[in-house]
Amino acid sequence: MAGRSTGAGKRRPAIEGRENDPENRSPTGATERQLCPRNRSPHMTTIDVEGMSCTGCEDNVTDALGELPGVESASADHEAGTATVEGDVDVDAVVAAIEDAGYEASA
């Protein structure tokens, strides 16, 4: 397949006005998320949660976390006092979602 271009090496320029868009690419081809992974965890994040006392509380926390962009799965354990999120999430948003659900949270 000589002479056939695969498109590898082509870089899309950054789109003006989308500087905060994670899919916006720099002139080097890296996304904003790759350049500035501030407060992002691409895998699993565990947060300490105070105030959960039953499985209903676990459901409240899990439901709140499931609404966040980038969450692939979420779980909570009232006995351990933790919530775990899998996916590409903003840790500050995870803490805020738990607090908005009525519990104390810390990363």
PDB file of N, CA and C in Angstrom:
ATOM      1  N   MET A   1       0.817  -1.175   0.000  1.00  0.00           N
ATOM      2  CA  MET A   1       0.000   0.000   0.000  1.00  0.00           C
ATOM      3  C   MET A   1       0.867   1.248   0.000  1.00  0.00           C
ATOM      4  N   ALA A   2       1.868   1.232  -0.799  1.00  0.00           N
ATOM      5  CA  ALA A   2       2.764   2.369  -0.879  1.00  0.00           C
ATOM      6  C   ALA A   2       2.020   3.573  -1.426  1.00  0.00           C
ATOM      7  N   GLY A   3       2.340   4.721  -0.894  1.00  0.00           N
ATOM      8  CA  GLY A   3       1.765   5.962  -1.356  1.00  0.00           C
ATOM      9  C   GLY A   3       0.425   6.298  -0.724  1.00  0.00           C
ATOM     10  N   ARG A   4      -0.110   5.413   0.061  1.00  0.00           N
ATOM     11  CA  ARG A   4      -1.403   5.681   0.704  1.00  0.00           C
ATOM     12  C   ARG A   4      -1.188   6.397   2.030  1.00  0.00           C
ATOM     13  N   SER A   5      -1.861   7.494   2.221  1.00  0.00           N
ATOM     14  CA  SER A   5      -1.726   8.278   3.447  1.00  0.00           C
ATOM     15  C   SER A   5      -2.727   7.793   4.482  1.00  0.00           C
ATOM     16  N   THR A   6      -2.253   7.612   5.705  1.00  0.00           N
ATOM     17  CA  THR A   6      -3.132   7.193   6.791  1.00  0.00           C
ATOM     18  C   THR A   6      -3.647   8.376   7.580  1.00  0.00           C
ATOM     19  N   GLY A   7      -3.135   9.548   7.300  1.00  0.00           N
ATOM     20  CA  GLY A   7      -3.560  10.725   8.047  1.00  0.00           C
ATOM     21  C   GLY A   7      -2.756  10.915   9.317  1.00  0.00           C
ATOM     22  N   ALA A   8      -1.868   9.982   9.625  1.00  0.00           N
ATOM     23  CA  ALA A   8      -1.056  10.099  10.826  1.00  0.00           C
ATOM     24  C   ALA A   8      -0.145  11.301  10.694  1.00  0.00           C
ATOM     25  N   GLY A   9       0.016  11.998  11.760  1.00  0.00           N
ATOM     26  CA  GLY A   9       0.892  13.157  11.764  1.00  0.00           C
ATOM     27  C   GLY A   9       0.158  14.448  11.458  1.00  0.00           C
ATOM     28  N   LYS A  10      -1.072  14.359  10.966  1.00  0.00           N
ATOM     29  CA  LYS A  10      -1.842  15.579  10.718  1.00  0.00           C
ATOM     30  C   LYS A  10      -2.308  16.130  12.050  1.00  0.00           C
ATOM     31  N   ARG A  11      -2.195  17.426  12.192  1.00  0.00           N
ATOM     32  CA  ARG A  11      -2.594  18.056  13.448  1.00  0.00           C
ATOM     33  C   ARG A  11      -3.653  19.093  13.165  1.00  0.00           C
ATOM     34  N   ARG A  12      -4.662  19.092  13.965  1.00  0.00           N
ATOM     35  CA  ARG A  12      -5.740  20.054  13.850  1.00  0.00           C
ATOM     36  C   ARG A  12      -5.377  21.280  14.681  1.00  0.00           C
ATOM     37  N   PRO A  13      -5.492  22.472  14.134  1.00  0.00           N
ATOM     38  CA  PRO A  13      -5.178  23.671  14.925  1.00  0.00           C
ATOM     39  C   PRO A  13      -6.235  23.909  15.999  1.00  0.00           C
ATOM     40  N   ALA A  14      -5.840  24.604  17.050  1.00  0.00           N
ATOM     41  CA  ALA A  14      -6.790  24.951  18.109  1.00  0.00           C
ATOM     42  C   ALA A  14      -7.892  25.821  17.526  1.00  0.00           C
ATOM     43  N   ILE A  15      -9.094  25.608  17.992  1.00  0.00           N
ATOM     44  CA  ILE A  15     -10.237  26.373  17.503  1.00  0.00           C
ATOM     45  C   ILE A  15     -10.450  27.559  18.420  1.00  0.00           C
ATOM     46  N   GLU A  16     -10.420  28.735  17.837  1.00  0.00           N
ATOM     47  CA  GLU A  16     -10.573  29.952  18.621  1.00  0.00           C
ATOM     48  C   GLU A  16     -11.936  29.974  19.292  1.00  0.00           C
ATOM     49  N   GLY A  17     -11.965  30.385  20.561  1.00  0.00           N
ATOM     50  CA  GLY A  17     -13.204  30.440  21.313  1.00  0.00           C
ATOM     51  C   GLY A  17     -13.532  29.144  22.031  1.00  0.00           C
ATOM     52  N   ARG A  18     -12.730  28.112  21.835  1.00  0.00           N
ATOM     53  CA  ARG A  18     -12.968  26.831  22.507  1.00  0.00           C
ATOM     54  C   ARG A  18     -11.766  26.467  23.375  1.00  0.00           C
ATOM     55  N   GLU A  19     -11.138  27.471  23.957  1.00  0.00           N
ATOM     56  CA  GLU A  19      -9.932  27.236  24.729  1.00  0.00           C
ATOM     57  C   GLU A  19     -10.155  26.293  25.899  1.00  0.00           C
ATOM     58  N   ASN A  20     -11.357  26.276  26.487  1.00  0.00           N
ATOM     59  CA  ASN A  20     -11.638  25.431  27.637  1.00  0.00           C
ATOM     60  C   ASN A  20     -12.288  24.104  27.259  1.00  0.00           C
ATOM     61  N   ASP A  21     -12.496  23.867  25.991  1.00  0.00           N
ATOM     62  CA  ASP A  21     -13.087  22.611  25.520  1.00  0.00           C
ATOM     63  C   ASP A  21     -12.022  21.517  25.594  1.00  0.00           C
ATOM     64  N   PRO A  22     -12.293  20.418  26.333  1.00  0.00           N
ATOM     65  CA  PRO A  22     -11.296  19.367  26.467  1.00  0.00           C
ATOM     66  C   PRO A  22     -10.923  18.710  25.145  1.00  0.00           C
ATOM     67  N   GLU A  23     -11.778  18.809  24.140  1.00  0.00           N
ATOM     68  CA  GLU A  23     -11.454  18.211  22.849  1.00  0.00           C
ATOM     69  C   GLU A  23     -10.747  19.199  21.913  1.00  0.00           C
ATOM     70  N   ASN A  24     -10.582  20.434  22.364  1.00  0.00           N
ATOM     71  CA  ASN A  24      -9.868  21.430  21.593  1.00  0.00           C
ATOM     72  C   ASN A  24      -8.404  21.013  21.508  1.00  0.00           C
ATOM     73  N   ARG A  25      -7.838  21.031  20.346  1.00  0.00           N
ATOM     74  CA  ARG A  25      -6.462  20.569  20.177  1.00  0.00           C
ATOM     75  C   ARG A  25      -5.498  21.741  19.985  1.00  0.00           C
ATOM     76  N   SER A  26      -4.316  21.571  20.545  1.00  0.00           N
ATOM     77  CA  SER A  26      -3.280  22.572  20.389  1.00  0.00           C
ATOM     78  C   SER A  26      -2.595  22.361  19.041  1.00  0.00           C
ATOM     79  N   PRO A  27      -1.719  23.274  18.642  1.00  0.00           N
ATOM     80  CA  PRO A  27      -0.983  23.084  17.394  1.00  0.00           C
ATOM     81  C   PRO A  27      -0.138  21.804  17.388  1.00  0.00           C
ATOM     82  N   THR A  28       0.167  21.260  18.560  1.00  0.00           N
ATOM     83  CA  THR A  28       0.941  20.012  18.605  1.00  0.00           C
ATOM     84  C   THR A  28       0.050  18.793  18.495  1.00  0.00           C
ATOM     85  N   GLY A  29      -1.272  18.995  18.517  1.00  0.00           N
ATOM     86  CA  GLY A  29      -2.204  17.892  18.407  1.00  0.00           C
ATOM     87  C   GLY A  29      -2.711  17.383  19.741  1.00  0.00           C
ATOM     88  N   ALA A  30      -2.170  17.890  20.843  1.00  0.00           N
ATOM     89  CA  ALA A  30      -2.614  17.447  22.164  1.00  0.00           C
ATOM     90  C   ALA A  30      -3.926  18.130  22.519  1.00  0.00           C
ATOM     91  N   THR A  31      -4.789  17.408  23.207  1.00  0.00           N
ATOM     92  CA  THR A  31      -6.038  18.020  23.653  1.00  0.00           C
ATOM     93  C   THR A  31      -5.756  18.869  24.879  1.00  0.00           C
ATOM     94  N   GLU A  32      -6.702  19.755  25.202  1.00  0.00           N
ATOM     95  CA  GLU A  32      -6.585  20.585  26.404  1.00  0.00           C
ATOM     96  C   GLU A  32      -6.433  19.691  27.630  1.00  0.00           C
ATOM     97  N   ARG A  33      -7.169  18.576  27.679  1.00  0.00           N
ATOM     98  CA  ARG A  33      -7.108  17.663  28.813  1.00  0.00           C
ATOM     99  C   ARG A  33      -5.693  17.076  28.957  1.00  0.00           C
ATOM    100  N   GLN A  34      -5.032  16.791  27.833  1.00  0.00           N
ATOM    101  CA  GLN A  34      -3.677  16.252  27.884  1.00  0.00           C
ATOM    102  C   GLN A  34      -2.686  17.322  28.322  1.00  0.00           C
ATOM    103  N   LEU A  35      -2.916  18.555  27.894  1.00  0.00           N
ATOM    104  CA  LEU A  35      -2.006  19.638  28.232  1.00  0.00           C
ATOM    105  C   LEU A  35      -2.176  20.103  29.675  1.00  0.00           C
ATOM    106  N   CYS A  36      -3.394  20.081  30.163  1.00  0.00           N
ATOM    107  CA  CYS A  36      -3.684  20.612  31.484  1.00  0.00           C
ATOM    108  C   CYS A  36      -4.615  19.661  32.221  1.00  0.00           C
ATOM    109  N   PRO A  37      -4.088  18.562  32.748  1.00  0.00           N
ATOM    110  CA  PRO A  37      -4.945  17.566  33.395  1.00  0.00           C
ATOM    111  C   PRO A  37      -5.352  17.954  34.805  1.00  0.00           C
ATOM    112  N   ARG A  38      -5.358  19.243  35.112  1.00  0.00           N
ATOM    113  CA  ARG A  38      -5.675  19.761  36.430  1.00  0.00           C
ATOM    114  C   ARG A  38      -6.944  19.116  36.995  1.00  0.00           C
ATOM    115  N   ASN A  39      -6.811  18.566  38.182  1.00  0.00           N
ATOM    116  CA  ASN A  39      -7.939  17.998  38.908  1.00  0.00           C
ATOM    117  C   ASN A  39      -8.666  16.882  38.165  1.00  0.00           C
ATOM    118  N   ARG A  40      -8.022  16.212  37.256  1.00  0.00           N
ATOM    119  CA  ARG A  40      -8.683  15.134  36.522  1.00  0.00           C
ATOM    120  C   ARG A  40      -7.994  13.816  36.813  1.00  0.00           C
ATOM    121  N   SER A  41      -8.806  12.799  36.937  1.00  0.00           N
ATOM    122  CA  SER A  41      -8.301  11.457  37.152  1.00  0.00           C
ATOM    123  C   SER A  41      -8.890  10.567  36.076  1.00  0.00           C
ATOM    124  N   PRO A  42      -8.069   9.960  35.224  1.00  0.00           N
ATOM    125  CA  PRO A  42      -8.610   9.172  34.135  1.00  0.00           C
ATOM    126  C   PRO A  42      -9.077   7.788  34.562  1.00  0.00           C
ATOM    127  N   HIS A  43      -8.899   7.431  35.816  1.00  0.00           N
ATOM    128  CA  HIS A  43      -9.224   6.077  36.221  1.00  0.00           C
ATOM    129  C   HIS A  43     -10.181   6.057  37.409  1.00  0.00           C
ATOM    130  N   MET A  44      -9.662   5.779  38.574  1.00  0.00           N
ATOM    131  CA  MET A  44     -10.511   5.617  39.752  1.00  0.00           C
ATOM    132  C   MET A  44     -10.157   6.659  40.802  1.00  0.00           C
ATOM    133  N   THR A  45     -11.197   7.270  41.360  1.00  0.00           N
ATOM    134  CA  THR A  45     -11.025   8.282  42.396  1.00  0.00           C
ATOM    135  C   THR A  45     -11.858   7.871  43.599  1.00  0.00           C
ATOM    136  N   THR A  46     -11.231   7.869  44.773  1.00  0.00           N
ATOM    137  CA  THR A  46     -11.953   7.550  46.001  1.00  0.00           C
ATOM    138  C   THR A  46     -11.977   8.784  46.889  1.00  0.00           C
ATOM    139  N   ILE A  47     -13.162   9.099  47.380  1.00  0.00           N
ATOM    140  CA  ILE A  47     -13.398  10.286  48.198  1.00  0.00           C
ATOM    141  C   ILE A  47     -13.888   9.840  49.569  1.00  0.00           C
ATOM    142  N   ASP A  48     -13.405  10.496  50.619  1.00  0.00           N
ATOM    143  CA  ASP A  48     -13.909  10.248  51.971  1.00  0.00           C
ATOM    144  C   ASP A  48     -15.239  10.980  52.120  1.00  0.00           C
ATOM    145  N   VAL A  49     -16.242  10.265  52.640  1.00  0.00           N
ATOM    146  CA  VAL A  49     -17.578  10.832  52.789  1.00  0.00           C
ATOM    147  C   VAL A  49     -18.041  10.636  54.225  1.00  0.00           C
ATOM    148  N   GLU A  50     -18.495  11.718  54.861  1.00  0.00           N
ATOM    149  CA  GLU A  50     -19.038  11.642  56.213  1.00  0.00           C
ATOM    150  C   GLU A  50     -20.545  11.882  56.160  1.00  0.00           C
ATOM    151  N   GLY A  51     -21.279  11.157  56.987  1.00  0.00           N
ATOM    152  CA  GLY A  51     -22.709  11.380  57.095  1.00  0.00           C
ATOM    153  C   GLY A  51     -23.564  10.287  56.482  1.00  0.00           C
ATOM    154  N   MET A  52     -22.965   9.333  55.781  1.00  0.00           N
ATOM    155  CA  MET A  52     -23.752   8.216  55.248  1.00  0.00           C
ATOM    156  C   MET A  52     -23.973   7.208  56.372  1.00  0.00           C
ATOM    157  N   SER A  53     -25.224   6.769  56.543  1.00  0.00           N
ATOM    158  CA  SER A  53     -25.513   5.827  57.618  1.00  0.00           C
ATOM    159  C   SER A  53     -26.246   4.571  57.159  1.00  0.00           C
ATOM    160  N   CYS A  54     -26.611   4.519  55.860  1.00  0.00           N
ATOM    161  CA  CYS A  54     -27.378   3.362  55.388  1.00  0.00           C
ATOM    162  C   CYS A  54     -27.217   3.204  53.876  1.00  0.00           C
ATOM    163  N   THR A  55     -27.837   2.157  53.339  1.00  0.00           N
ATOM    164  CA  THR A  55     -27.760   1.940  51.892  1.00  0.00           C
ATOM    165  C   THR A  55     -28.520   3.015  51.118  1.00  0.00           C
ATOM    166  N   GLY A  56     -29.520   3.620  51.732  1.00  0.00           N
ATOM    167  CA  GLY A  56     -30.217   4.740  51.090  1.00  0.00           C
ATOM    168  C   GLY A  56     -29.275   5.911  50.867  1.00  0.00           C
ATOM    169  N   CYS A  57     -28.412   6.157  51.843  1.00  0.00           N
ATOM    170  CA  CYS A  57     -27.404   7.216  51.698  1.00  0.00           C
ATOM    171  C   CYS A  57     -26.438   6.873  50.560  1.00  0.00           C
ATOM    172  N   GLU A  58     -26.043   5.605  50.500  1.00  0.00           N
ATOM    173  CA  GLU A  58     -25.169   5.161  49.414  1.00  0.00           C
ATOM    174  C   GLU A  58     -25.822   5.432  48.062  1.00  0.00           C
ATOM    175  N   ASP A  59     -27.122   5.122  47.959  1.00  0.00           N
ATOM    176  CA  ASP A  59     -27.847   5.361  46.712  1.00  0.00           C
ATOM    177  C   ASP A  59     -27.891   6.845  46.374  1.00  0.00           C
ATOM    178  N   ASN A  60     -28.107   7.703  47.380  1.00  0.00           N
ATOM    179  CA  ASN A  60     -28.124   9.154  47.145  1.00  0.00           C
ATOM    180  C   ASN A  60     -26.801   9.635  46.567  1.00  0.00           C
ATOM    181  N   VAL A  61     -25.698   9.177  47.159  1.00  0.00           N
ATOM    182  CA  VAL A  61     -24.367   9.588  46.700  1.00  0.00           C
ATOM    183  C   VAL A  61     -24.097   9.035  45.304  1.00  0.00           C
ATOM    184  N   THR A  62     -24.404   7.767  45.098  1.00  0.00           N
ATOM    185  CA  THR A  62     -24.161   7.138  43.801  1.00  0.00           C
ATOM    186  C   THR A  62     -24.970   7.827  42.702  1.00  0.00           C
ATOM    187  N   ASP A  63     -26.222   8.152  42.981  1.00  0.00           N
ATOM    188  CA  ASP A  63     -27.058   8.845  41.999  1.00  0.00           C
ATOM    189  C   ASP A  63     -26.489  10.220  41.658  1.00  0.00           C
ATOM    190  N   ALA A  64     -26.041  10.941  42.678  1.00  0.00           N
ATOM    191  CA  ALA A  64     -25.465  12.273  42.455  1.00  0.00           C
ATOM    192  C   ALA A  64     -24.208  12.181  41.591  1.00  0.00           C
ATOM    193  N   LEU A  65     -23.374  11.201  41.867  1.00  0.00           N
ATOM    194  CA  LEU A  65     -22.137  11.049  41.106  1.00  0.00           C
ATOM    195  C   LEU A  65     -22.400  10.595  39.678  1.00  0.00           C
ATOM    196  N   GLY A  66     -23.428   9.794  39.490  1.00  0.00           N
ATOM    197  CA  GLY A  66     -23.766   9.316  38.156  1.00  0.00           C
ATOM    198  C   GLY A  66     -24.195  10.418  37.202  1.00  0.00           C
ATOM    199  N   GLU A  67     -24.569  11.574  37.742  1.00  0.00           N
ATOM    200  CA  GLU A  67     -24.983  12.711  36.922  1.00  0.00           C
ATOM    201  C   GLU A  67     -23.796  13.506  36.379  1.00  0.00           C
ATOM    202  N   LEU A  68     -22.600  13.277  36.905  1.00  0.00           N
ATOM    203  CA  LEU A  68     -21.431  14.057  36.497  1.00  0.00           C
ATOM    204  C   LEU A  68     -20.899  13.611  35.139  1.00  0.00           C
ATOM    205  N   PRO A  69     -20.453  14.568  34.316  1.00  0.00           N
ATOM    206  CA  PRO A  69     -19.839  14.209  33.039  1.00  0.00           C
ATOM    207  C   PRO A  69     -18.566  13.399  33.255  1.00  0.00           C
ATOM    208  N   GLY A  70     -18.373  12.378  32.464  1.00  0.00           N
ATOM    209  CA  GLY A  70     -17.158  11.576  32.519  1.00  0.00           C
ATOM    210  C   GLY A  70     -17.218  10.392  33.452  1.00  0.00           C
ATOM    211  N   VAL A  71     -18.276  10.285  34.255  1.00  0.00           N
ATOM    212  CA  VAL A  71     -18.384   9.170  35.198  1.00  0.00           C
ATOM    213  C   VAL A  71     -18.823   7.927  34.444  1.00  0.00           C
ATOM    214  N   GLU A  72     -18.004   6.871  34.529  1.00  0.00           N
ATOM    215  CA  GLU A  72     -18.345   5.587  33.923  1.00  0.00           C
ATOM    216  C   GLU A  72     -19.087   4.711  34.924  1.00  0.00           C
ATOM    217  N   SER A  73     -18.689   4.773  36.183  1.00  0.00           N
ATOM    218  CA  SER A  73     -19.385   4.050  37.241  1.00  0.00           C
ATOM    219  C   SER A  73     -19.107   4.744  38.567  1.00  0.00           C
ATOM    220  N   ALA A  74     -20.019   4.543  39.518  1.00  0.00           N
ATOM    221  CA  ALA A  74     -19.866   5.144  40.842  1.00  0.00           C
ATOM    222  C   ALA A  74     -20.412   4.188  41.880  1.00  0.00           C
ATOM    223  N   SER A  75     -19.789   4.197  43.044  1.00  0.00           N
ATOM    224  CA  SER A  75     -20.274   3.389  44.157  1.00  0.00           C
ATOM    225  C   SER A  75     -19.989   4.132  45.452  1.00  0.00           C
ATOM    226  N   ALA A  76     -20.718   3.743  46.495  1.00  0.00           N
ATOM    227  CA  ALA A  76     -20.512   4.344  47.813  1.00  0.00           C
ATOM    228  C   ALA A  76     -20.626   3.241  48.850  1.00  0.00           C
ATOM    229  N   ASP A  77     -19.893   3.412  49.942  1.00  0.00           N
ATOM    230  CA  ASP A  77     -19.899   2.427  51.028  1.00  0.00           C
ATOM    231  C   ASP A  77     -20.051   3.190  52.338  1.00  0.00           C
ATOM    232  N   HIS A  78     -21.239   3.098  52.957  1.00  0.00           N
ATOM    233  CA  HIS A  78     -21.472   3.869  54.185  1.00  0.00           C
ATOM    234  C   HIS A  78     -20.637   3.340  55.351  1.00  0.00           C
ATOM    235  N   GLU A  79     -20.329   2.050  55.362  1.00  0.00           N
ATOM    236  CA  GLU A  79     -19.520   1.497  56.447  1.00  0.00           C
ATOM    237  C   GLU A  79     -18.064   1.960  56.370  1.00  0.00           C
ATOM    238  N   ALA A  80     -17.544   2.040  55.162  1.00  0.00           N
ATOM    239  CA  ALA A  80     -16.166   2.508  54.976  1.00  0.00           C
ATOM    240  C   ALA A  80     -16.089   4.030  54.947  1.00  0.00           C
ATOM    241  N   GLY A  81     -17.224   4.684  54.672  1.00  0.00           N
ATOM    242  CA  GLY A  81     -17.234   6.140  54.584  1.00  0.00           C
ATOM    243  C   GLY A  81     -16.531   6.652  53.345  1.00  0.00           C
ATOM    244  N   THR A  82     -16.737   5.936  52.222  1.00  0.00           N
ATOM    245  CA  THR A  82     -16.087   6.342  50.977  1.00  0.00           C
ATOM    246  C   THR A  82     -17.045   6.275  49.805  1.00  0.00           C
ATOM    247  N   ALA A  83     -16.692   7.005  48.769  1.00  0.00           N
ATOM    248  CA  ALA A  83     -17.357   6.919  47.475  1.00  0.00           C
ATOM    249  C   ALA A  83     -16.259   6.774  46.436  1.00  0.00           C
ATOM    250  N   THR A  84     -16.505   5.937  45.448  1.00  0.00           N
ATOM    251  CA  THR A  84     -15.516   5.688  44.405  1.00  0.00           C
ATOM    252  C   THR A  84     -16.143   5.959  43.053  1.00  0.00           C
ATOM    253  N   VAL A  85     -15.393   6.679  42.225  1.00  0.00           N
ATOM    254  CA  VAL A  85     -15.848   7.026  40.881  1.00  0.00           C
ATOM    255  C   VAL A  85     -14.814   6.514  39.898  1.00  0.00           C
ATOM    256  N   GLU A  86     -15.290   5.893  38.838  1.00  0.00           N
ATOM    257  CA  GLU A  86     -14.415   5.467  37.760  1.00  0.00           C
ATOM    258  C   GLU A  86     -14.744   6.285  36.529  1.00  0.00           C
ATOM    259  N   GLY A  87     -13.710   6.812  35.884  1.00  0.00           N
ATOM    260  CA  GLY A  87     -13.892   7.627  34.682  1.00  0.00           C
ATOM    261  C   GLY A  87     -12.992   8.839  34.705  1.00  0.00           C
ATOM    262  N   ASP A  88     -13.180   9.688  33.740  1.00  0.00           N
ATOM    263  CA  ASP A  88     -12.393  10.908  33.597  1.00  0.00           C
ATOM    264  C   ASP A  88     -13.204  12.039  34.228  1.00  0.00           C
ATOM    265  N   VAL A  89     -12.948  12.289  35.505  1.00  0.00           N
ATOM    266  CA  VAL A  89     -13.762  13.233  36.258  1.00  0.00           C
ATOM    267  C   VAL A  89     -12.924  14.310  36.922  1.00  0.00           C
ATOM    268  N   ASP A  90     -13.565  15.427  37.181  1.00  0.00           N
ATOM    269  CA  ASP A  90     -12.960  16.524  37.921  1.00  0.00           C
ATOM    270  C   ASP A  90     -13.192  16.240  39.403  1.00  0.00           C
ATOM    271  N   VAL A  91     -12.138  16.068  40.164  1.00  0.00           N
ATOM    272  CA  VAL A  91     -12.237  15.707  41.577  1.00  0.00           C
ATOM    273  C   VAL A  91     -13.041  16.749  42.355  1.00  0.00           C
ATOM    274  N   ASP A  92     -12.843  18.019  42.043  1.00  0.00           N
ATOM    275  CA  ASP A  92     -13.598  19.068  42.725  1.00  0.00           C
ATOM    276  C   ASP A  92     -15.101  18.927  42.450  1.00  0.00           C
ATOM    277  N   ALA A  93     -15.456  18.520  41.244  1.00  0.00           N
ATOM    278  CA  ALA A  93     -16.871  18.321  40.906  1.00  0.00           C
ATOM    279  C   ALA A  93     -17.447  17.129  41.660  1.00  0.00           C
ATOM    280  N   VAL A  94     -16.632  16.089  41.871  1.00  0.00           N
ATOM    281  CA  VAL A  94     -17.074  14.925  42.640  1.00  0.00           C
ATOM    282  C   VAL A  94     -17.383  15.341  44.075  1.00  0.00           C
ATOM    283  N   VAL A  95     -16.469  16.079  44.684  1.00  0.00           N
ATOM    284  CA  VAL A  95     -16.671  16.547  46.060  1.00  0.00           C
ATOM    285  C   VAL A  95     -17.916  17.430  46.132  1.00  0.00           C
ATOM    286  N   ALA A  96     -18.075  18.341  45.179  1.00  0.00           N
ATOM    287  CA  ALA A  96     -19.233  19.242  45.174  1.00  0.00           C
ATOM    288  C   ALA A  96     -20.546  18.469  45.027  1.00  0.00           C
ATOM    289  N   ALA A  97     -20.559  17.450  44.176  1.00  0.00           N
ATOM    290  CA  ALA A  97     -21.775  16.661  43.975  1.00  0.00           C
ATOM    291  C   ALA A  97     -22.175  15.930  45.249  1.00  0.00           C
ATOM    292  N   ILE A  98     -21.186  15.392  45.956  1.00  0.00           N
ATOM    293  CA  ILE A  98     -21.462  14.691  47.217  1.00  0.00           C
ATOM    294  C   ILE A  98     -21.991  15.679  48.258  1.00  0.00           C
ATOM    295  N   GLU A  99     -21.369  16.850  48.334  1.00  0.00           N
ATOM    296  CA  GLU A  99     -21.816  17.860  49.293  1.00  0.00           C
ATOM    297  C   GLU A  99     -23.211  18.369  48.941  1.00  0.00           C
ATOM    298  N   ASP A 100     -23.492  18.523  47.635  1.00  0.00           N
ATOM    299  CA  ASP A 100     -24.826  18.944  47.206  1.00  0.00           C
ATOM    300  C   ASP A 100     -25.886  17.902  47.568  1.00  0.00           C
ATOM    301  N   ALA A 101     -25.478  16.645  47.678  1.00  0.00           N
ATOM    302  CA  ALA A 101     -26.395  15.570  48.050  1.00  0.00           C
ATOM    303  C   ALA A 101     -26.620  15.529  49.558  1.00  0.00           C
ATOM    304  N   GLY A 102     -25.891  16.371  50.311  1.00  0.00           N
ATOM    305  CA  GLY A 102     -26.117  16.495  51.750  1.00  0.00           C
ATOM    306  C   GLY A 102     -25.104  15.820  52.652  1.00  0.00           C
ATOM    307  N   TYR A 103     -23.931  15.493  52.106  1.00  0.00           N
ATOM    308  CA  TYR A 103     -22.907  14.807  52.900  1.00  0.00           C
ATOM    309  C   TYR A 103     -21.619  15.621  52.870  1.00  0.00           C
ATOM    310  N   GLU A 104     -20.748  15.373  53.824  1.00  0.00           N
ATOM    311  CA  GLU A 104     -19.439  16.033  53.833  1.00  0.00           C
ATOM    312  C   GLU A 104     -18.465  15.156  53.056  1.00  0.00           C
ATOM    313  N   ALA A 105     -17.653  15.788  52.216  1.00  0.00           N
ATOM    314  CA  ALA A 105     -16.717  15.042  51.381  1.00  0.00           C
ATOM    315  C   ALA A 105     -15.367  15.719  51.331  1.00  0.00           C
ATOM    316  N   SER A 106     -14.320  14.911  51.209  1.00  0.00           N
ATOM    317  CA  SER A 106     -12.969  15.448  51.050  1.00  0.00           C
ATOM    318  C   SER A 106     -12.148  14.501  50.195  1.00  0.00           C
ATOM    319  N   ALA A 107     -11.326  15.109  49.359  1.00  0.00           N
ATOM    320  CA  ALA A 107     -10.480  14.326  48.445  1.00  0.00           C
ATOM    321  C   ALA A 107      -9.181  13.959  49.112  1.00  0.00           C
TER     322      ALA A 107
END
